[in-house]
Amino acid sequence: MQDTYSTVKDQYGVDPKEGLTPNSFQQVLISEAELGEITPETLKSSISSLEAQIGSEQDPKMQKELQKKLENLKKVAERPKKEISMDLENKWSKNFGEVDKLIGTLDAKSKSQLLTNVFINENPKWHPERNSFVHIKIVCSRGIDTKDEDLMYSALYHDIAKFDTATFNAQGWPTCLGHDKKGADSAKAAGMNDTVVYVCANHMKVKGWQGDSEGGTLNPSTKFQIFAEAPGQTPDEKAKAFYKLCVFSKMDNMAYDFNAEKLNWENPTYEKWNEECPLKDEFKKEELVEIKVEKAKPTFTSQELMAFGAKGPQIGEINKAIVGKTKEEAFEIIKQILGNPELKMESKKWIMTFESFRKNKHSRLVENITESGEVRLIFPGDKYTADIEVEIQDGKIVGDDIEGMVYSYDDTALSTCFDKFKKAGLTVLNKTDRFSREDADIVYRGWESRDGDDIEGEYTIKLEPLNKAIESGKVELVKDKDGDYEVIVK
């Protein structure tokens, strides 16, 4: 059988292992591809290697991230055996000869990177194929049916970086968070045009256009941003590249009965989208313009909930439970969640001032002190936080810019958080601006794909503008009853 680790060297003249220094996760993948199974010895060795790496890691943030990955790596031994389906491969192998010719046109670096996909036995929830390389060939075979060269090369590059980004999810299956961005980088480095780079960069995000998927779920502003980032200056020019992304989303969907002829649109335009677009019912024209929704004010603010004694995940649980409730109804729910039927709601309003925080029994303003502590960035729902060691001096954060990880988030809630920072006067570039400049006050980098339950990303907050916002009172630095320092965005 072709397209396995034992055959690709003869097929393409390249050994995908050549030059590799595999990490703990890649060692497991290579072993499975070579032996047809993950042996207990290989898994034990990889776990020991990762444990040693965690033990020598000095950065608490990185230590926490590696610990989570270690827990997922241990799940590999518990996952069920994958039931491989040959149906798609048998159907689309009709064009594999043409696919191989295209692979032959790649530069040596791209070809070698592409062939490492033979090591990835992907999550059967999304990929019933034998390995990721076979998946890529199926997608490219579909692209050949479209006769569109941009789609053919997008197929070769869209998953090219999966092996480079591979870890394991909570179910023990490979997950390749960030492969879309790195694949776009590889396409750009190889001289691919802007449309190919755009399709590769957005192929995971666009999967969430119609709801929960391997690519997550998209809110209206993210949908608009995907269209806005398409190559071109005018809506009609952007429509051409965006429609290729729409078609590619169908090429890449293994559950979709792909028919290139039905999706053919000779001259995509924004103006005639609703009249002529074959996918107009799925990718609606009205979603390609920015939609601004006035968000309802919360019944209780996060600060009020903390004053009641809520902390951590409880804040997110309460926020979800009290949507649309009156203040009285919401308060009864809060008492139930906190397990405190004696909780009283003071008649006076919580006034967001420095003085009110100084007097509040649950927290006090940090000022005129010098000490080390943890600053918690309070994102909506609170499960999106990351603890960061910082130095507090005279009521300000001192030291290097804050860098943190977001491990799991609700897309809408995260956007709400960034909107709050914007209202506080800080400029924000979020995940959809990852190819834009990085001179903003807050930068959220790298939309990270969903494969299983894990979503990750990282952000940087510059200290100078953050401290200015603290001085102005738009952002408050508070020490809670547990001794944690919190950045509260009004």
Protein backbone atom coordinates (compact mmCIF):
# COMPACT_ATOMS: atom_id res chain seq x y z
CA MET A 1 0.00 0.00 0.00
CA GLN A 2 1.33 3.43 -0.98
CA ASP A 3 1.56 6.64 1.09
CA THR A 4 2.90 5.07 4.28
CA TYR A 5 6.18 5.72 6.05
CA SER A 6 7.68 2.57 4.53
CA THR A 7 6.82 3.65 0.95
CA VAL A 8 7.08 7.46 0.70
CA LYS A 9 10.88 7.48 0.46
CA ASP A 10 10.73 5.36 -2.69
CA GLN A 11 7.68 7.26 -3.97
CA TYR A 12 9.08 10.76 -3.60
CA GLY A 13 12.81 10.30 -3.05
CA VAL A 14 12.66 11.90 0.40
CA ASP A 15 12.95 10.32 3.84
CA PRO A 16 10.55 12.30 6.08
CA LYS A 17 12.65 11.35 9.16
CA GLU A 18 15.85 12.80 7.73
CA GLY A 19 17.05 15.79 9.74
CA LEU A 20 14.32 15.41 12.39
CA THR A 21 14.94 15.72 16.12
CA PRO A 22 11.53 14.49 17.30
CA ASN A 23 10.06 15.74 20.55
CA SER A 24 8.13 13.57 23.03
CA PHE A 25 4.89 13.78 21.05
CA GLN A 26 6.49 13.23 17.65
CA GLN A 27 8.33 10.14 18.93
CA VAL A 28 4.97 8.53 19.69
CA LEU A 29 3.61 9.43 16.24
CA ILE A 30 6.68 8.09 14.43
CA SER A 31 6.57 4.85 16.42
CA GLU A 32 2.93 4.28 15.53
CA ALA A 33 3.61 4.90 11.83
CA GLU A 34 6.60 2.55 11.78
CA LEU A 35 5.21 -0.28 13.92
CA GLY A 36 1.48 0.08 13.35
CA GLU A 37 0.93 0.60 17.06
CA ILE A 38 2.11 2.67 19.99
CA THR A 39 4.10 0.34 22.20
CA PRO A 40 4.04 0.73 25.98
CA GLU A 41 7.83 1.18 25.89
CA THR A 42 7.60 4.10 23.46
CA LEU A 43 4.85 5.80 25.42
CA LYS A 44 6.69 5.32 28.72
CA SER A 45 9.87 6.77 27.23
CA SER A 46 8.01 9.81 25.86
CA ILE A 47 6.25 10.41 29.17
CA SER A 48 9.57 10.23 31.05
CA SER A 49 11.16 12.63 28.58
CA LEU A 50 8.34 15.15 28.99
CA GLU A 51 8.42 14.80 32.78
CA ALA A 52 12.13 15.60 32.73
CA GLN A 53 11.46 18.64 30.58
CA ILE A 54 8.81 19.86 33.04
CA GLY A 55 11.21 19.34 35.94
CA SER A 56 13.89 21.50 34.31
CA GLU A 57 11.51 24.23 33.11
CA GLN A 58 11.95 27.47 35.07
CA ASP A 59 9.01 29.40 33.63
CA PRO A 60 5.83 28.66 35.69
CA LYS A 61 3.62 29.49 32.72
CA MET A 62 5.42 27.05 30.44
CA GLN A 63 5.51 24.46 33.23
CA LYS A 64 1.72 24.66 33.53
CA GLU A 65 1.30 24.30 29.77
CA LEU A 66 3.62 21.28 29.60
CA GLN A 67 1.86 19.63 32.56
CA LYS A 68 -1.44 19.80 30.70
CA LYS A 69 0.18 18.26 27.64
CA LEU A 70 1.67 15.50 29.78
CA GLU A 71 -1.78 14.61 31.14
CA ASN A 72 -3.09 14.35 27.57
CA LEU A 73 -0.09 12.25 26.48
CA LYS A 74 -0.93 9.70 29.17
CA LYS A 75 -4.43 9.40 27.65
CA VAL A 76 -2.94 7.87 24.48
CA ALA A 77 -2.86 4.45 26.15
CA GLU A 78 -6.61 4.65 26.85
CA ARG A 79 -7.91 5.65 23.45
CA PRO A 80 -9.76 3.04 21.35
CA LYS A 81 -8.27 1.57 18.20
CA LYS A 82 -9.11 3.69 15.17
CA GLU A 83 -11.43 2.19 12.58
CA ILE A 84 -9.95 3.29 9.27
CA SER A 85 -12.19 3.85 6.26
CA MET A 86 -10.81 3.47 2.73
CA ASP A 87 -13.95 4.79 1.05
CA LEU A 88 -12.73 8.33 0.40
CA GLU A 89 -9.25 7.21 -0.58
CA ASN A 90 -10.65 4.68 -3.06
CA LYS A 91 -12.94 7.32 -4.59
CA TRP A 92 -10.42 10.14 -4.87
CA SER A 93 -7.29 8.15 -5.72
CA LYS A 94 -8.39 8.68 -9.33
CA ASN A 95 -6.40 11.94 -9.25
CA PHE A 96 -3.49 10.80 -7.06
CA GLY A 97 -1.20 10.62 -10.08
CA GLU A 98 -1.83 14.30 -10.77
CA VAL A 99 -1.40 15.06 -7.07
CA ASP A 100 2.01 13.38 -7.13
CA LYS A 101 3.05 15.56 -10.08
CA LEU A 102 2.10 18.66 -8.08
CA ILE A 103 4.07 17.39 -5.08
CA GLY A 104 7.02 17.01 -7.45
CA THR A 105 6.90 20.76 -8.16
CA LEU A 106 7.43 21.68 -4.49
CA ASP A 107 10.78 22.88 -3.20
CA ALA A 108 12.78 20.38 -1.14
CA LYS A 109 11.89 21.94 2.22
CA SER A 110 8.15 21.97 1.49
CA LYS A 111 8.20 18.41 0.16
CA SER A 112 10.01 17.09 3.23
CA GLN A 113 7.64 18.96 5.56
CA LEU A 114 4.62 17.66 3.65
CA LEU A 115 5.72 14.02 3.89
CA THR A 116 5.96 14.12 7.71
CA ASN A 117 2.16 13.91 7.63
CA VAL A 118 2.52 10.13 7.09
CA PHE A 119 3.29 9.98 10.83
CA ILE A 120 -0.06 11.40 11.93
CA ASN A 121 -2.93 9.01 12.62
CA GLU A 122 -5.63 11.61 13.10
CA ASN A 123 -8.72 11.89 15.28
CA PRO A 124 -11.40 9.61 13.73
CA LYS A 125 -14.08 12.14 14.73
CA TRP A 126 -12.90 14.30 11.84
CA HIS A 127 -10.56 12.07 9.81
CA PRO A 128 -11.31 8.41 9.00
CA GLU A 129 -8.31 8.28 6.60
CA ARG A 130 -5.15 6.22 7.19
CA ASN A 131 -2.97 9.22 7.91
CA SER A 132 -2.82 12.97 7.44
CA PHE A 133 -0.83 12.66 4.21
CA VAL A 134 -3.62 10.62 2.64
CA HIS A 135 -6.06 13.30 3.81
CA ILE A 136 -4.01 15.98 2.06
CA LYS A 137 -3.95 13.95 -1.16
CA ILE A 138 -7.73 13.50 -1.03
CA VAL A 139 -8.22 17.25 -0.57
CA CYS A 140 -5.80 18.00 -3.40
CA SER A 141 -7.56 15.44 -5.62
CA ARG A 142 -10.79 17.35 -5.07
CA GLY A 143 -8.90 20.54 -5.92
CA ILE A 144 -7.81 19.03 -9.22
CA ASP A 145 -11.47 18.51 -10.10
CA THR A 146 -12.01 22.27 -9.67
CA LYS A 147 -9.18 22.99 -12.17
CA ASP A 148 -8.18 25.88 -9.88
CA GLU A 149 -4.44 25.95 -9.19
CA ASP A 150 -4.88 28.09 -6.07
CA LEU A 151 -7.08 25.41 -4.53
CA MET A 152 -4.67 22.63 -5.52
CA TYR A 153 -1.69 24.29 -3.83
CA SER A 154 -3.82 25.35 -0.87
CA ALA A 155 -4.54 21.64 -0.40
CA LEU A 156 -0.84 20.78 -0.30
CA TYR A 157 0.03 23.52 2.19
CA HIS A 158 -3.04 23.75 4.43
CA ASP A 159 -1.99 20.87 6.74
CA ILE A 160 1.70 20.84 5.90
CA ALA A 161 2.70 21.92 9.44
CA LYS A 162 0.65 19.37 11.38
CA PHE A 163 3.61 17.24 12.42
CA ASP A 164 5.49 20.36 13.54
CA THR A 165 2.65 21.37 15.88
CA ALA A 166 1.43 17.95 17.01
CA THR A 167 0.58 17.20 20.64
CA PHE A 168 -2.35 15.15 22.00
CA ASN A 169 -5.82 16.18 23.12
CA ALA A 170 -7.72 15.07 26.21
CA GLN A 171 -8.91 11.92 24.41
CA GLY A 172 -5.37 10.88 23.46
CA TRP A 173 -5.62 11.73 19.74
CA PRO A 174 -3.17 13.98 17.89
CA THR A 175 -4.09 17.65 17.85
CA CYS A 176 -2.14 20.23 15.87
CA LEU A 177 -2.99 23.61 17.32
CA GLY A 178 -1.58 26.43 15.22
CA HIS A 179 -0.91 24.34 12.13
CA ASP A 180 -3.07 26.70 10.05
CA LYS A 181 -0.88 29.72 10.80
CA LYS A 182 2.37 27.77 10.39
CA GLY A 183 1.08 26.24 7.16
CA ALA A 184 0.35 29.73 5.84
CA ASP A 185 3.88 30.75 6.84
CA SER A 186 5.29 27.78 4.92
CA ALA A 187 3.21 28.65 1.85
CA LYS A 188 4.39 32.26 1.98
CA ALA A 189 8.03 31.22 2.43
CA ALA A 190 7.70 28.94 -0.61
CA GLY A 191 6.50 31.85 -2.76
CA MET A 192 2.82 30.93 -2.93
CA ASN A 193 0.46 33.78 -3.83
CA ASP A 194 -1.68 35.76 -1.39
CA THR A 195 -4.81 33.72 -2.06
CA VAL A 196 -3.11 30.41 -1.20
CA VAL A 197 -1.64 31.94 1.97
CA TYR A 198 -5.08 33.35 2.89
CA VAL A 199 -6.85 30.01 2.38
CA CYS A 200 -4.26 28.13 4.44
CA ALA A 201 -4.41 30.70 7.25
CA ASN A 202 -8.21 30.61 7.48
CA HIS A 203 -9.10 27.03 6.61
CA MET A 204 -9.72 26.09 10.26
CA LYS A 205 -11.64 29.23 11.22
CA VAL A 206 -14.01 29.01 8.28
CA LYS A 207 -15.16 25.56 9.44
CA GLY A 208 -16.99 27.24 12.29
CA TRP A 209 -19.09 29.42 9.97
CA GLN A 210 -22.27 27.43 10.55
CA GLY A 211 -21.76 26.39 14.15
CA ASP A 212 -19.65 24.12 16.31
CA SER A 213 -17.05 22.23 14.31
CA GLU A 214 -13.41 21.17 14.22
CA GLY A 215 -12.69 24.88 13.79
CA GLY A 216 -14.76 26.13 16.73
CA THR A 217 -17.72 28.49 16.48
CA LEU A 218 -17.59 31.94 14.89
CA ASN A 219 -19.30 35.11 16.02
CA PRO A 220 -20.44 37.78 13.48
CA SER A 221 -17.38 39.98 13.93
CA THR A 222 -15.02 37.07 13.23
CA LYS A 223 -16.97 36.18 10.08
CA PHE A 224 -16.66 39.75 8.88
CA GLN A 225 -12.95 39.75 9.67
CA ILE A 226 -12.31 36.62 7.60
CA PHE A 227 -13.91 38.32 4.60
CA ALA A 228 -12.18 41.64 5.30
CA GLU A 229 -8.75 39.97 5.34
CA ALA A 230 -9.24 38.38 1.91
CA PRO A 231 -6.75 39.65 -0.71
CA GLY A 232 -8.06 42.56 -2.73
CA GLN A 233 -9.00 46.19 -2.31
CA THR A 234 -12.68 46.12 -3.26
CA PRO A 235 -15.53 43.87 -2.04
CA ASP A 236 -15.67 42.21 -5.47
CA GLU A 237 -11.92 41.43 -5.37
CA LYS A 238 -12.23 40.04 -1.84
CA ALA A 239 -15.24 37.96 -2.90
CA LYS A 240 -13.08 36.06 -5.39
CA ALA A 241 -10.57 34.94 -2.76
CA PHE A 242 -13.24 34.41 -0.11
CA TYR A 243 -15.26 32.15 -2.40
CA LYS A 244 -12.17 30.02 -2.95
CA LEU A 245 -11.95 29.68 0.83
CA CYS A 246 -15.62 28.62 0.91
CA VAL A 247 -15.02 25.97 -1.74
CA PHE A 248 -11.89 24.83 0.05
CA SER A 249 -13.88 24.33 3.26
CA LYS A 250 -15.93 21.77 1.32
CA MET A 251 -12.82 20.15 -0.18
CA ASP A 252 -11.39 19.77 3.33
CA ASN A 253 -14.57 18.36 4.87
CA MET A 254 -14.35 14.57 4.76
CA ALA A 255 -18.05 14.24 5.56
CA TYR A 256 -19.04 16.39 2.54
CA ASP A 257 -19.97 14.79 -0.79
CA PHE A 258 -17.76 17.07 -2.85
CA ASN A 259 -18.83 17.92 -6.40
CA ALA A 260 -16.64 20.52 -8.10
CA GLU A 261 -19.09 21.10 -10.93
CA LYS A 262 -21.89 22.11 -8.57
CA LEU A 263 -19.60 24.63 -6.85
CA ASN A 264 -18.23 26.18 -10.03
CA TRP A 265 -18.68 29.98 -10.19
CA GLU A 266 -16.79 31.52 -13.05
CA ASN A 267 -16.67 35.11 -11.80
CA PRO A 268 -17.42 35.50 -8.07
CA THR A 269 -18.49 39.02 -7.09
CA TYR A 270 -19.77 40.57 -3.91
CA GLU A 271 -22.46 42.42 -5.84
CA LYS A 272 -24.00 39.25 -7.29
CA TRP A 273 -23.34 36.99 -4.30
CA ASN A 274 -27.01 36.42 -3.42
CA GLU A 275 -27.99 35.85 -7.06
CA GLU A 276 -25.20 33.60 -8.32
CA CYS A 277 -23.12 32.10 -5.49
CA PRO A 278 -23.58 28.28 -5.29
CA LEU A 279 -22.99 28.45 -1.53
CA LYS A 280 -25.06 31.56 -0.82
CA ASP A 281 -27.33 29.70 1.63
CA GLU A 282 -24.38 28.67 3.79
CA PHE A 283 -22.16 31.73 3.47
CA LYS A 284 -24.67 34.56 3.53
CA LYS A 285 -23.89 37.92 1.98
CA GLU A 286 -25.20 39.78 5.03
CA GLU A 287 -22.50 38.03 7.09
CA LEU A 288 -19.79 39.55 4.92
CA VAL A 289 -20.43 43.03 6.31
CA GLU A 290 -19.65 44.11 9.83
CA ILE A 291 -22.46 43.58 12.30
CA LYS A 292 -22.38 45.63 15.46
CA VAL A 293 -24.58 44.27 18.23
CA GLU A 294 -25.30 46.33 21.31
CA LYS A 295 -24.53 43.99 24.18
CA ALA A 296 -26.90 44.00 27.13
CA LYS A 297 -25.45 45.19 30.42
CA PRO A 298 -24.92 42.35 32.91
CA THR A 299 -27.33 42.08 35.83
CA PHE A 300 -24.35 42.06 38.20
CA THR A 301 -20.80 43.07 37.38
CA SER A 302 -17.85 40.78 38.03
CA GLN A 303 -16.84 43.10 40.86
CA GLU A 304 -20.25 42.75 42.47
CA LEU A 305 -20.08 38.97 42.16
CA MET A 306 -16.66 38.96 43.82
CA ALA A 307 -18.08 41.11 46.60
CA PHE A 308 -20.69 38.38 47.16
CA GLY A 309 -17.82 35.90 47.53
CA ALA A 310 -17.79 34.39 44.03
CA LYS A 311 -14.41 33.50 42.59
CA GLY A 312 -12.84 31.61 39.73
CA PRO A 313 -15.18 29.42 37.65
CA GLN A 314 -18.15 30.43 39.82
CA ILE A 315 -18.20 33.85 38.12
CA GLY A 316 -18.56 32.26 34.69
CA GLU A 317 -21.21 29.83 35.94
CA ILE A 318 -23.22 32.69 37.47
CA ASN A 319 -22.92 34.91 34.37
CA LYS A 320 -24.36 32.15 32.20
CA ALA A 321 -27.15 31.33 34.65
CA ILE A 322 -28.43 34.90 35.12
CA VAL A 323 -28.69 35.96 31.49
CA GLY A 324 -32.07 37.65 30.96
CA LYS A 325 -32.99 37.50 34.66
CA THR A 326 -34.15 40.39 36.81
CA LYS A 327 -31.83 41.52 39.59
CA GLU A 328 -33.97 39.74 42.18
CA GLU A 329 -34.16 36.50 40.16
CA ALA A 330 -30.43 36.64 39.49
CA PHE A 331 -29.65 37.15 43.17
CA GLU A 332 -31.57 34.01 44.13
CA ILE A 333 -29.54 32.05 41.57
CA ILE A 334 -26.32 33.53 42.96
CA LYS A 335 -27.22 32.37 46.48
CA GLN A 336 -27.84 28.85 45.18
CA ILE A 337 -24.56 28.66 43.23
CA LEU A 338 -22.55 30.06 46.13
CA GLY A 339 -24.35 27.82 48.61
CA ASN A 340 -25.09 30.80 50.84
CA PRO A 341 -28.85 31.23 51.46
CA GLU A 342 -28.10 33.95 54.05
CA LEU A 343 -26.38 36.20 51.50
CA LYS A 344 -27.78 39.73 51.56
CA MET A 345 -27.92 42.20 48.70
CA GLU A 346 -27.16 45.70 49.89
CA SER A 347 -29.55 48.34 48.67
CA LYS A 348 -26.81 50.76 47.69
CA LYS A 349 -25.18 50.42 44.27
CA TRP A 350 -21.62 49.26 43.85
CA ILE A 351 -19.82 52.46 42.94
CA MET A 352 -16.74 51.73 40.86
CA THR A 353 -14.24 54.10 42.43
CA PHE A 354 -10.88 53.69 44.14
CA GLU A 355 -12.49 54.73 47.44
CA SER A 356 -15.19 52.06 47.28
CA PHE A 357 -12.58 49.36 46.72
CA ARG A 358 -10.49 50.66 49.62
CA LYS A 359 -13.43 50.31 51.99
CA ASN A 360 -14.84 47.04 50.66
CA LYS A 361 -14.29 44.15 53.08
CA HIS A 362 -13.54 41.71 50.26
CA SER A 363 -10.74 43.62 48.56
CA ARG A 364 -8.51 46.62 48.90
CA LEU A 365 -6.73 48.81 46.41
CA VAL A 366 -3.05 48.09 45.99
CA GLU A 367 -1.15 51.35 46.39
CA ASN A 368 2.14 52.62 47.78
CA ILE A 369 3.52 49.14 48.37
CA THR A 370 6.32 47.06 46.90
CA GLU A 371 5.92 43.32 46.80
CA SER A 372 5.71 40.35 44.44
CA GLY A 373 2.35 38.82 43.73
CA GLU A 374 0.17 37.20 41.10
CA VAL A 375 -1.85 39.34 38.76
CA ARG A 376 -4.92 37.62 37.42
CA LEU A 377 -6.32 38.98 34.18
CA ILE A 378 -10.07 38.79 34.64
CA PHE A 379 -11.64 37.67 31.38
CA PRO A 380 -15.43 37.25 31.12
CA GLY A 381 -16.41 33.93 32.65
CA ASP A 382 -13.12 33.78 34.54
CA LYS A 383 -12.15 30.42 33.05
CA TYR A 384 -10.09 32.31 30.52
CA THR A 385 -7.60 33.60 33.10
CA ALA A 386 -3.91 32.99 33.41
CA ASP A 387 -1.88 33.57 36.58
CA ILE A 388 1.22 35.65 36.02
CA GLU A 389 4.03 36.50 38.45
CA VAL A 390 4.67 40.25 38.45
CA GLU A 391 6.14 42.96 40.63
CA ILE A 392 3.77 45.56 42.12
CA GLN A 393 5.30 48.92 43.01
CA ASP A 394 3.47 52.06 44.10
CA GLY A 395 0.18 50.75 42.77
CA LYS A 396 1.63 49.93 39.33
CA ILE A 397 2.87 46.80 37.60
CA VAL A 398 6.59 46.98 36.88
CA GLY A 399 8.90 44.81 34.82
CA ASP A 400 8.42 43.28 31.39
CA ASP A 401 5.25 43.34 29.32
CA ILE A 402 2.69 40.75 30.42
CA GLU A 403 2.58 37.60 28.33
CA GLY A 404 0.04 34.88 28.98
CA MET A 405 -1.79 31.88 27.60
CA VAL A 406 -5.49 31.34 27.03
CA TYR A 407 -6.21 27.62 27.23
CA SER A 408 -9.97 27.45 26.67
CA TYR A 409 -12.41 30.13 25.77
CA ASP A 410 -15.80 31.03 24.44
CA ASP A 411 -15.21 33.11 21.32
CA THR A 412 -17.95 35.63 22.10
CA ALA A 413 -16.84 36.10 25.71
CA LEU A 414 -13.24 36.66 24.65
CA SER A 415 -14.32 39.30 22.14
CA THR A 416 -16.32 40.97 24.93
CA CYS A 417 -13.18 41.07 27.03
CA PHE A 418 -11.20 42.76 24.25
CA ASP A 419 -14.03 45.25 23.74
CA LYS A 420 -13.74 46.19 27.42
CA PHE A 421 -10.04 46.86 27.05
CA LYS A 422 -10.78 49.02 24.01
CA LYS A 423 -13.27 51.09 26.01
CA ALA A 424 -10.57 51.55 28.64
CA GLY A 425 -8.50 53.26 25.95
CA LEU A 426 -6.17 50.40 24.99
CA THR A 427 -5.73 49.41 21.36
CA VAL A 428 -6.30 45.71 20.69
CA LEU A 429 -5.36 43.39 17.87
CA ASN A 430 -7.21 40.14 18.37
CA LYS A 431 -6.77 36.68 16.87
CA THR A 432 -8.16 37.65 13.49
CA ASP A 433 -5.45 40.29 13.08
CA ARG A 434 -2.53 37.94 13.45
CA PHE A 435 -0.92 39.04 10.19
CA SER A 436 -1.29 42.73 11.08
CA ARG A 437 1.17 44.98 12.92
CA GLU A 438 2.04 44.13 16.49
CA ASP A 439 2.41 47.63 17.87
CA ALA A 440 -0.94 47.64 19.66
CA ASP A 441 -1.28 47.79 23.45
CA ILE A 442 -2.77 44.29 23.54
CA VAL A 443 -2.08 41.61 20.94
CA TYR A 444 -3.87 38.26 20.88
CA ARG A 445 -1.90 35.98 18.57
CA GLY A 446 -2.77 32.86 16.69
CA TRP A 447 -6.27 31.54 16.24
CA GLU A 448 -5.74 28.01 17.48
CA SER A 449 -7.77 25.26 15.93
CA ARG A 450 -10.17 22.97 17.74
CA ASP A 451 -9.45 19.25 17.55
CA GLY A 452 -11.17 17.56 20.46
CA ASP A 453 -11.70 19.95 23.33
CA ASP A 454 -8.51 22.03 23.37
CA ILE A 455 -8.17 25.60 22.15
CA GLU A 456 -5.13 27.68 22.89
CA GLY A 457 -3.78 31.12 22.19
CA GLU A 458 -1.43 33.69 23.63
CA TYR A 459 -1.56 37.40 24.34
CA THR A 460 0.76 40.26 25.20
CA ILE A 461 -0.29 43.33 27.19
CA LYS A 462 2.14 46.25 27.21
CA LEU A 463 2.75 47.66 30.67
CA GLU A 464 3.03 51.36 29.85
CA PRO A 465 -0.50 51.81 28.42
CA LEU A 466 -1.92 49.43 31.03
CA ASN A 467 -0.43 51.48 33.86
CA LYS A 468 -1.76 54.67 32.27
CA ALA A 469 -5.22 53.11 32.25
CA ILE A 470 -4.75 52.21 35.93
CA GLU A 471 -3.76 55.81 36.73
CA SER A 472 -6.85 57.14 34.93
CA GLY A 473 -9.18 54.78 36.84
CA LYS A 474 -10.42 53.03 33.70
CA VAL A 475 -8.61 49.91 34.87
CA GLU A 476 -8.22 49.11 38.54
CA LEU A 477 -5.58 47.07 40.29
CA VAL A 478 -7.14 45.24 43.24
CA LYS A 479 -6.06 42.77 45.90
CA ASP A 480 -8.83 40.34 46.81
CA LYS A 481 -9.44 38.56 50.11
CA ASP A 482 -7.24 35.64 49.04
CA GLY A 483 -4.26 37.90 48.42
CA ASP A 484 -4.41 37.73 44.62
CA TYR A 485 -3.93 40.89 42.61
CA GLU A 486 -6.49 41.41 39.88
CA VAL A 487 -6.64 43.72 36.91
CA ILE A 488 -10.25 44.85 36.72
CA VAL A 489 -11.40 46.36 33.42
CA LYS A 490 -14.50 48.53 33.90
